[in-house]
Amino acid sequence: MDYTQNAKIAQVTEKTLIIGVDVGSETHYARAFNWRGQELSKKAFSFRNDLDGYAAFTRWLDAYRQSMDAGKVMIGCEPTGHYWFNFARYVKRSGMTLVLVNPYHVKQTKELDDNSPTKNDRKDPKTIARLVSEGRYTFPYMPEGIYADLRQAFSSRNRIVKELNTLANRIQRWLQIYFPEFLKVYGKFSAESALLVLETAPYPADIIALGADGVNQIWREHKLRAVGMKRATTLVEAARKSVGMDGGVCAKLDLQLLLEDFRRKQEHLKQITEVLEAETRKVPHVKKLLAIKGVGLITAAGFLAEAGDVRRFDSPKQIQKLAGLELKENSSGKHKGQSSISKRGRRNLRKVLFQAVLPMIRSNDEFREVYRYYTTRQKNPLKGKQAIIAVGCKLIRVFYAILTHGTDYDANRLRTDIIRPQEQQAA
């Protein structure tokens, strides 16, 4: 996969018809240009986001393709939300080339022609086509098969986890208002014994009315063995000393609904996690990823869901760039600014890598050594978070080598690749 600017420009020849498309939710707008950026269409062509609209677009496009005897058609558009998915699928099946331009680039260059920040359906397709002719585009990657399933499942899991966190915060807020002492008895309200009590007797007065025997009976009926009279007595004593507000029927109903939603989301999380783990195991060489201490199925699934099939990359540096972890520098003349990561790329991929590295530098000996080396080396020592990013980039290279070549993980090689003996002696 060649990402160089020259290679992209070389794709546009004298026989290339360039179509700029401004994608919308229901209606798209297109304009046709030759390889020099001269417009062939007299006005923007609008077509609906359905099969009839796509067919009309193809007929409109074919007229210009025949008039200039074009051997190739390049269609450029912005990746606007999810609206471009179906259009991209149609273009691919029609045998034409679809490329994507960065919406930020469109925003920055649309004033070149008329020195105006105006944005409309006629102007944007022209700006998009101009960027395509200059080679400022990328080829879209739409995962297929197992990688498409992983991306969908991982996205669903992230959504459920976010909803669970929201529900947990609302339940804790309720407890802090009506029964703040409950959170001192239970470190986490999500324990099964705690949920059973809240569903039956949420108010301090309800706990006092049941007494220790009544609370213990709730647990016995559900065959919980981890709690007993000691915990029940502690809970009753906390209820007697409670400073919580007096609640009524509506507040109790609010908590019951929150608890029902919480349990339902817990079940959804369990279901999607089981599917995600099962699908992840189908990926070639994934067992070798799991052989690395600190790398679990969720980490592997998240990496594969966000990066897709890594065999499409020529180098792990491309995955690093996809995650927005490549370094950017602000320097001019004698001034040398501080370097930082670009953060241009898939945010969730950065999140997966960051969350994977944190436990690894605590539990994995070789990764902890690499982290310590980055933070203590004599030349250019890194700060804590900088070292975490550096270790994350190393983890990308390890994953890439395993998934593309099927090599076994070698802890000693990881150490020697980073920590040079002469540098270690100097330190």
Protein backbone atom coordinates (compact mmCIF):
# COMPACT_ATOMS: atom_id res chain seq x y z
CA MET A 1 0.00 0.00 0.00
CA ASP A 2 1.75 3.15 -1.23
CA TYR A 3 0.87 6.33 0.65
CA THR A 4 3.42 8.67 -0.94
CA GLN A 5 2.25 11.93 -2.48
CA ASN A 6 3.92 11.20 -5.82
CA ALA A 7 2.22 7.81 -6.06
CA LYS A 8 -1.17 9.41 -5.44
CA ILE A 9 -0.58 12.13 -8.04
CA ALA A 10 0.53 9.50 -10.55
CA GLN A 11 -2.90 7.87 -10.24
CA VAL A 12 -4.41 10.92 -11.98
CA THR A 13 -3.61 10.88 -15.71
CA GLU A 14 -4.91 12.68 -18.80
CA LYS A 15 -7.51 9.93 -19.18
CA THR A 16 -8.85 10.29 -15.64
CA LEU A 17 -12.30 11.71 -14.99
CA ILE A 18 -12.51 13.25 -11.52
CA ILE A 19 -15.86 13.51 -9.78
CA GLY A 20 -16.25 15.54 -6.61
CA VAL A 21 -19.23 14.50 -4.48
CA ASP A 22 -20.66 16.35 -1.51
CA VAL A 23 -22.36 13.64 0.55
CA GLY A 24 -25.57 14.40 2.44
CA SER A 25 -28.07 12.41 4.46
CA GLU A 26 -30.67 12.19 1.68
CA THR A 27 -29.22 14.02 -1.33
CA HIS A 28 -25.71 14.07 -2.80
CA TYR A 29 -24.24 16.70 -5.16
CA ALA A 30 -21.59 15.97 -7.80
CA ARG A 31 -19.42 17.93 -10.27
CA ALA A 32 -17.16 16.57 -13.03
CA PHE A 33 -13.60 17.72 -13.81
CA ASN A 34 -10.72 16.64 -16.01
CA TRP A 35 -7.23 15.90 -14.73
CA ARG A 36 -6.20 19.60 -14.95
CA GLY A 37 -9.07 20.73 -12.75
CA GLN A 38 -11.19 22.17 -15.61
CA GLU A 39 -14.88 21.66 -14.95
CA LEU A 40 -16.85 19.61 -17.47
CA SER A 41 -20.26 19.92 -15.81
CA LYS A 42 -22.21 23.15 -16.11
CA LYS A 43 -23.83 22.86 -12.70
CA ALA A 44 -23.91 20.58 -9.71
CA PHE A 45 -25.80 17.34 -10.30
CA SER A 46 -28.03 16.24 -7.40
CA PHE A 47 -29.05 12.64 -6.84
CA ARG A 48 -30.85 10.83 -4.05
CA ASN A 49 -29.23 8.44 -1.61
CA ASP A 50 -31.00 5.38 -3.00
CA LEU A 51 -30.64 2.91 -5.85
CA ASP A 52 -32.54 5.07 -8.37
CA GLY A 53 -30.41 8.05 -7.44
CA TYR A 54 -27.22 6.02 -7.88
CA ALA A 55 -28.38 4.83 -11.27
CA ALA A 56 -29.06 8.44 -12.34
CA PHE A 57 -25.59 9.40 -11.09
CA THR A 58 -24.02 6.62 -13.17
CA ARG A 59 -25.82 7.77 -16.33
CA TRP A 60 -24.73 11.37 -15.70
CA LEU A 61 -21.16 10.24 -15.11
CA ASP A 62 -21.03 8.01 -18.20
CA ALA A 63 -21.89 10.94 -20.45
CA TYR A 64 -18.73 12.79 -19.37
CA ARG A 65 -16.66 9.62 -19.43
CA GLN A 66 -17.57 9.07 -23.08
CA SER A 67 -17.10 12.71 -24.07
CA MET A 68 -13.48 12.79 -22.81
CA ASP A 69 -12.80 9.11 -23.55
CA ALA A 70 -11.78 8.56 -19.94
CA GLY A 71 -10.18 5.27 -19.08
CA LYS A 72 -10.49 5.77 -15.35
CA VAL A 73 -12.94 7.45 -12.99
CA MET A 74 -11.91 8.72 -9.56
CA ILE A 75 -14.73 9.75 -7.25
CA GLY A 76 -13.80 11.83 -4.23
CA CYS A 77 -15.93 12.61 -1.20
CA GLU A 78 -15.68 13.50 2.47
CA PRO A 79 -16.24 10.74 5.06
CA THR A 80 -19.29 12.53 6.44
CA GLY A 81 -20.52 10.46 9.38
CA HIS A 82 -22.12 7.24 8.15
CA TYR A 83 -23.85 8.77 5.12
CA TRP A 84 -21.09 7.76 2.70
CA PHE A 85 -21.11 4.02 3.54
CA ASN A 86 -23.82 2.95 1.09
CA PHE A 87 -22.48 5.24 -1.64
CA ALA A 88 -18.99 3.79 -1.23
CA ARG A 89 -20.36 0.27 -1.49
CA TYR A 90 -22.17 1.15 -4.73
CA VAL A 91 -19.08 2.79 -6.25
CA LYS A 92 -16.92 -0.23 -5.40
CA ARG A 93 -19.40 -2.66 -6.95
CA SER A 94 -19.53 -0.49 -10.08
CA GLY A 95 -15.78 -0.91 -10.59
CA MET A 96 -14.93 2.76 -10.06
CA THR A 97 -12.34 4.16 -7.66
CA LEU A 98 -13.50 5.97 -4.55
CA VAL A 99 -11.11 8.14 -2.54
CA LEU A 100 -11.64 10.20 0.59
CA VAL A 101 -10.48 13.72 1.35
CA ASN A 102 -10.05 15.11 4.84
CA PRO A 103 -12.95 17.43 5.83
CA TYR A 104 -10.40 19.67 7.54
CA HIS A 105 -8.50 20.03 4.25
CA VAL A 106 -11.73 20.95 2.47
CA LYS A 107 -12.44 23.62 5.08
CA GLN A 108 -8.93 25.06 4.78
CA THR A 109 -8.77 25.18 0.96
CA LYS A 110 -12.31 26.16 -0.07
CA GLU A 111 -11.38 29.89 -0.02
CA LEU A 112 -8.62 29.53 -2.64
CA ASP A 113 -10.94 30.09 -5.61
CA ASP A 114 -13.23 32.90 -4.44
CA ASN A 115 -11.59 34.15 -1.21
CA SER A 116 -14.87 33.49 0.60
CA PRO A 117 -15.72 31.14 3.47
CA THR A 118 -19.04 30.37 1.82
CA LYS A 119 -20.07 26.71 2.03
CA ASN A 120 -22.70 25.32 -0.32
CA ASP A 121 -23.53 22.25 -2.37
CA ARG A 122 -21.94 23.65 -5.53
CA LYS A 123 -18.69 24.81 -3.99
CA ASP A 124 -17.74 21.78 -1.91
CA PRO A 125 -17.65 19.22 -4.79
CA LYS A 126 -15.23 21.48 -6.65
CA THR A 127 -12.92 21.76 -3.65
CA ILE A 128 -13.04 17.99 -3.17
CA ALA A 129 -12.17 17.36 -6.83
CA ARG A 130 -9.29 19.82 -6.61
CA LEU A 131 -7.80 17.96 -3.66
CA VAL A 132 -8.13 14.67 -5.52
CA SER A 133 -6.29 16.02 -8.57
CA GLU A 134 -3.46 17.19 -6.28
CA GLY A 135 -3.13 13.75 -4.72
CA ARG A 136 -4.42 14.87 -1.32
CA TYR A 137 -6.64 11.92 -0.65
CA THR A 138 -6.68 8.51 1.00
CA PHE A 139 -8.12 5.20 -0.06
CA PRO A 140 -11.01 4.15 2.17
CA TYR A 141 -10.78 0.96 4.16
CA MET A 142 -14.09 -0.74 4.75
CA PRO A 143 -13.50 -3.90 6.80
CA GLU A 144 -15.08 -7.08 5.57
CA GLY A 145 -15.83 -10.46 7.06
CA ILE A 146 -14.47 -11.09 10.53
CA TYR A 147 -12.96 -7.60 10.81
CA ALA A 148 -16.29 -5.94 10.03
CA ASP A 149 -17.96 -8.08 12.70
CA LEU A 150 -15.25 -7.20 15.21
CA ARG A 151 -15.60 -3.48 14.57
CA GLN A 152 -19.37 -3.61 14.98
CA ALA A 153 -19.19 -5.76 18.12
CA PHE A 154 -16.48 -3.63 19.71
CA SER A 155 -18.41 -0.45 18.95
CA SER A 156 -21.52 -1.97 20.55
CA ARG A 157 -19.52 -3.00 23.61
CA ASN A 158 -18.11 0.51 24.02
CA ARG A 159 -21.62 1.95 23.81
CA ILE A 160 -22.95 -0.46 26.43
CA VAL A 161 -20.03 0.24 28.78
CA LYS A 162 -20.67 3.97 28.45
CA GLU A 163 -24.38 3.47 29.21
CA LEU A 164 -23.51 1.29 32.21
CA ASN A 165 -21.23 4.00 33.58
CA THR A 166 -24.00 6.57 33.18
CA LEU A 167 -26.47 4.34 35.04
CA ALA A 168 -23.92 3.64 37.78
CA ASN A 169 -23.41 7.37 38.32
CA ARG A 170 -27.15 7.97 38.56
CA ILE A 171 -27.62 5.13 41.06
CA GLN A 172 -24.75 6.42 43.20
CA ARG A 173 -26.30 9.89 43.10
CA TRP A 174 -29.62 8.41 44.36
CA LEU A 175 -27.83 6.63 47.19
CA GLN A 176 -25.89 9.73 48.22
CA ILE A 177 -29.20 11.57 48.57
CA TYR A 178 -31.37 8.93 50.29
CA PHE A 179 -28.93 6.43 51.85
CA PRO A 180 -25.30 7.70 51.76
CA GLU A 181 -24.16 5.19 54.40
CA PHE A 182 -24.98 2.32 52.03
CA LEU A 183 -21.86 3.11 49.99
CA LYS A 184 -19.74 2.78 53.14
CA VAL A 185 -21.06 -0.70 53.84
CA TYR A 186 -20.62 -1.70 50.20
CA GLY A 187 -17.63 -0.43 48.28
CA LYS A 188 -19.58 -1.13 45.09
CA PHE A 189 -23.36 -1.11 44.88
CA SER A 190 -23.08 -3.46 41.87
CA ALA A 191 -22.38 -6.49 44.10
CA GLU A 192 -25.22 -8.99 43.75
CA SER A 193 -26.06 -8.91 47.48
CA ALA A 194 -26.22 -5.09 47.37
CA LEU A 195 -28.49 -5.04 44.31
CA LEU A 196 -30.89 -7.52 45.94
CA VAL A 197 -31.18 -5.31 49.03
CA LEU A 198 -31.72 -2.14 46.97
CA GLU A 199 -34.41 -3.83 44.89
CA THR A 200 -36.28 -4.95 48.03
CA ALA A 201 -35.53 -2.33 50.69
CA PRO A 202 -33.83 0.79 49.30
CA TYR A 203 -34.58 3.24 52.16
CA PRO A 204 -32.94 3.15 55.61
CA ALA A 205 -36.42 2.81 57.15
CA ASP A 206 -37.02 -0.30 55.00
CA ILE A 207 -33.77 -1.85 56.26
CA ILE A 208 -34.65 -1.11 59.87
CA ALA A 209 -38.11 -2.63 59.39
CA LEU A 210 -36.61 -5.85 58.01
CA GLY A 211 -33.92 -6.11 60.63
CA ALA A 212 -30.75 -8.16 60.29
CA ASP A 213 -32.71 -11.41 60.03
CA GLY A 214 -34.90 -10.04 57.24
CA VAL A 215 -31.93 -8.75 55.24
CA ASN A 216 -30.13 -12.08 55.66
CA GLN A 217 -33.27 -13.90 54.53
CA ILE A 218 -33.18 -12.00 51.21
CA TRP A 219 -29.72 -13.39 50.54
CA ARG A 220 -30.65 -16.92 51.66
CA GLU A 221 -33.63 -16.98 49.28
CA HIS A 222 -31.25 -16.22 46.40
CA LYS A 223 -28.66 -18.72 47.71
CA LEU A 224 -25.87 -16.19 48.26
CA ARG A 225 -23.14 -17.59 50.49
CA ALA A 226 -20.61 -14.74 50.51
CA VAL A 227 -22.68 -12.64 52.93
CA GLY A 228 -24.44 -13.36 56.19
CA MET A 229 -25.55 -12.00 59.53
CA LYS A 230 -22.40 -9.94 60.10
CA ARG A 231 -22.94 -7.91 56.91
CA ALA A 232 -26.69 -7.69 57.59
CA THR A 233 -26.08 -6.33 61.10
CA THR A 234 -23.61 -3.76 59.77
CA LEU A 235 -26.16 -2.63 57.18
CA VAL A 236 -28.93 -2.24 59.79
CA GLU A 237 -26.63 -0.20 62.05
CA ALA A 238 -25.74 2.05 59.11
CA ALA A 239 -29.46 2.53 58.38
CA ARG A 240 -30.14 3.61 61.98
CA LYS A 241 -27.42 6.27 61.72
CA SER A 242 -28.40 7.43 58.22
CA VAL A 243 -28.68 11.14 57.47
CA GLY A 244 -30.35 10.53 54.11
CA MET A 245 -33.44 12.38 53.00
CA ASP A 246 -36.90 10.86 53.37
CA GLY A 247 -38.03 9.52 50.02
CA GLY A 248 -41.43 8.68 48.66
CA VAL A 249 -42.99 6.34 46.14
CA CYS A 250 -41.64 8.20 43.11
CA ALA A 251 -38.03 8.18 44.31
CA LYS A 252 -38.27 4.45 45.00
CA LEU A 253 -39.71 3.85 41.55
CA ASP A 254 -36.88 5.89 40.02
CA LEU A 255 -34.30 3.63 41.68
CA GLN A 256 -36.15 0.47 40.64
CA LEU A 257 -36.14 1.60 37.00
CA LEU A 258 -32.44 2.46 37.21
CA LEU A 259 -31.64 -0.94 38.70
CA GLU A 260 -33.65 -2.72 36.02
CA ASP A 261 -31.77 -0.84 33.31
CA PHE A 262 -28.47 -1.59 35.05
CA ARG A 263 -29.14 -5.33 35.19
CA ARG A 264 -30.31 -5.34 31.58
CA LYS A 265 -27.17 -3.55 30.42
CA GLN A 266 -25.03 -5.97 32.43
CA GLU A 267 -26.64 -8.85 30.56
CA HIS A 268 -26.13 -7.07 27.23
CA LEU A 269 -22.47 -6.52 28.10
CA LYS A 270 -22.07 -10.20 28.91
CA GLN A 271 -23.67 -11.23 25.61
CA ILE A 272 -21.66 -8.89 23.39
CA THR A 273 -18.41 -9.73 25.21
CA GLU A 274 -18.95 -13.45 24.60
CA VAL A 275 -19.58 -12.84 20.90
CA LEU A 276 -16.60 -10.49 20.66
CA GLU A 277 -14.26 -13.00 22.28
CA ALA A 278 -15.51 -15.85 20.09
CA GLU A 279 -15.03 -13.82 16.89
CA THR A 280 -11.58 -12.63 17.98
CA ARG A 281 -10.36 -16.21 18.36
CA LYS A 282 -11.08 -16.78 14.67
CA VAL A 283 -8.40 -14.31 13.57
CA PRO A 284 -5.16 -16.04 12.46
CA HIS A 285 -2.32 -15.97 15.02
CA VAL A 286 -4.44 -14.28 17.68
CA LYS A 287 -3.48 -17.03 20.15
CA LYS A 288 0.11 -15.81 19.90
CA LEU A 289 -1.04 -12.32 20.88
CA LEU A 290 -2.74 -13.74 23.96
CA ALA A 291 0.51 -15.46 24.93
CA ILE A 292 1.90 -12.03 25.85
CA LYS A 293 1.42 -11.48 29.57
CA GLY A 294 -1.01 -8.62 30.08
CA VAL A 295 -2.73 -8.90 26.69
CA GLY A 296 -6.29 -10.15 27.01
CA LEU A 297 -9.04 -10.91 24.54
CA ILE A 298 -10.61 -7.47 24.89
CA THR A 299 -7.29 -5.76 24.12
CA ALA A 300 -6.72 -7.97 21.08
CA ALA A 301 -10.31 -7.49 19.93
CA GLY A 302 -10.07 -3.71 20.29
CA PHE A 303 -6.83 -3.53 18.33
CA LEU A 304 -8.16 -5.72 15.50
CA ALA A 305 -11.51 -3.90 15.43
CA GLU A 306 -9.89 -0.48 15.05
CA ALA A 307 -6.87 -1.38 12.89
CA GLY A 308 -8.60 -4.04 10.77
CA ASP A 309 -6.52 -6.52 8.82
CA VAL A 310 -2.95 -5.38 9.55
CA ARG A 311 -1.64 -7.32 6.54
CA ARG A 312 -2.78 -4.42 4.37
CA PHE A 313 -0.04 -2.23 5.88
CA ASP A 314 3.54 -2.20 4.60
CA SER A 315 4.96 -1.08 7.94
CA PRO A 316 3.86 -0.81 11.58
CA LYS A 317 4.56 2.94 11.28
CA GLN A 318 1.42 3.19 9.16
CA ILE A 319 -0.61 1.73 12.05
CA GLN A 320 1.11 4.20 14.36
CA LYS A 321 0.00 7.02 12.05
CA LEU A 322 -3.51 5.55 11.85
CA ALA A 323 -3.68 5.81 15.64
CA GLY A 324 -2.44 9.42 15.57
CA LEU A 325 0.73 8.52 17.46
CA GLU A 326 3.27 9.87 14.97
CA LEU A 327 5.31 12.79 16.24
CA LYS A 328 4.73 16.35 15.10
CA GLU A 329 7.26 19.16 15.53
CA ASN A 330 6.90 22.93 15.58
CA SER A 331 10.25 24.39 14.53
CA SER A 332 11.32 27.44 12.55
CA GLY A 333 14.84 28.73 11.98
CA LYS A 334 16.79 28.50 15.21
CA HIS A 335 13.65 27.81 17.22
CA LYS A 336 13.01 24.16 17.95
CA GLY A 337 9.58 23.55 19.42
CA GLN A 338 8.47 20.67 21.57
CA SER A 339 7.42 17.49 19.79
CA SER A 340 4.09 15.82 20.51
CA ILE A 341 1.81 13.23 18.97
CA SER A 342 -0.48 14.40 16.18
CA LYS A 343 -3.72 12.81 17.48
CA ARG A 344 -4.84 12.60 13.83
CA GLY A 345 -6.38 9.20 13.35
CA ARG A 346 -8.57 6.68 15.11
CA ARG A 347 -9.11 7.90 18.64
CA ASN A 348 -10.41 4.55 19.86
CA LEU A 349 -7.24 2.82 18.64
CA ARG A 350 -5.15 5.21 20.78
CA LYS A 351 -7.45 4.49 23.70
CA VAL A 352 -7.09 0.72 23.30
CA LEU A 353 -3.30 0.95 23.18
CA PHE A 354 -3.10 3.30 26.17
CA GLN A 355 -5.40 1.11 28.27
CA ALA A 356 -3.37 -1.97 27.27
CA VAL A 357 0.01 -0.50 28.19
CA LEU A 358 -0.96 0.70 31.68
CA PRO A 359 -1.41 -2.80 33.19
CA MET A 360 1.42 -4.25 31.10
CA ILE A 361 4.08 -1.98 32.59
CA ARG A 362 2.94 -3.21 36.01
CA SER A 363 2.59 -6.95 35.37
CA ASN A 364 4.82 -7.68 32.35
CA ASP A 365 8.53 -7.76 33.27
CA GLU A 366 9.94 -6.98 29.82
CA PHE A 367 7.53 -4.15 29.07
CA ARG A 368 8.19 -2.71 32.53
CA GLU A 369 11.93 -2.78 31.73
CA VAL A 370 11.33 -1.00 28.43
CA TYR A 371 9.21 1.63 30.19
CA ARG A 372 11.91 2.12 32.84
CA TYR A 373 14.55 2.43 30.12
CA TYR A 374 12.63 5.19 28.34
CA THR A 375 12.20 7.16 31.56
CA THR A 376 15.77 6.76 32.90
CA ARG A 377 18.04 6.75 29.82
CA GLN A 378 20.77 9.39 29.81
CA LYS A 379 19.95 10.80 26.40
CA ASN A 380 16.48 12.32 26.03
CA PRO A 381 14.68 10.62 28.96
CA LEU A 382 10.91 10.64 28.60
CA LYS A 383 8.25 11.66 31.06
CA GLY A 384 5.69 9.17 32.30
CA LYS A 385 2.97 9.65 29.72
CA GLN A 386 5.52 10.06 26.91
CA ALA A 387 7.07 6.72 27.87
CA ILE A 388 3.62 5.09 27.88
CA ILE A 389 3.09 6.31 24.30
CA ALA A 390 6.53 4.99 23.30
CA VAL A 391 5.76 1.58 24.80
CA GLY A 392 2.40 1.64 22.98
CA CYS A 393 4.21 2.17 19.68
CA LYS A 394 6.45 -0.77 20.53
CA LEU A 395 3.36 -2.85 21.24
CA ILE A 396 2.09 -1.96 17.76
CA ARG A 397 5.29 -3.33 16.23
CA VAL A 398 5.00 -6.52 18.27
CA PHE A 399 1.37 -7.03 17.22
CA TYR A 400 2.24 -6.31 13.58
CA ALA A 401 5.07 -8.88 13.52
CA ILE A 402 2.91 -11.58 15.08
CA LEU A 403 -0.21 -10.99 12.95
CA THR A 404 1.60 -10.62 9.61
CA HIS A 405 4.37 -13.22 9.94
CA GLY A 406 2.97 -15.54 12.58
CA THR A 407 6.16 -15.24 14.66
CA ASP A 408 6.15 -16.24 18.31
CA TYR A 409 6.51 -13.57 20.96
CA ASP A 410 10.09 -13.33 22.24
CA ALA A 411 10.57 -11.40 25.48
CA ASN A 412 14.36 -11.32 25.17
CA ARG A 413 14.19 -9.87 21.68
CA LEU A 414 11.90 -7.14 22.95
CA ARG A 415 14.51 -6.15 25.53
CA THR A 416 17.48 -6.20 23.14
CA ASP A 417 15.64 -4.28 20.42
CA ILE A 418 15.11 -1.33 22.74
CA ILE A 419 17.75 -1.49 25.46
CA ARG A 420 21.15 -1.51 23.74
CA PRO A 421 23.94 -3.10 25.85
CA GLN A 422 26.32 -0.17 25.34
CA GLU A 423 23.64 2.31 26.37
CA GLN A 424 22.79 0.22 29.43
CA GLN A 425 26.43 0.18 30.51
CA ALA A 426 26.71 3.94 30.03
CA ALA A 427 23.60 4.45 32.17
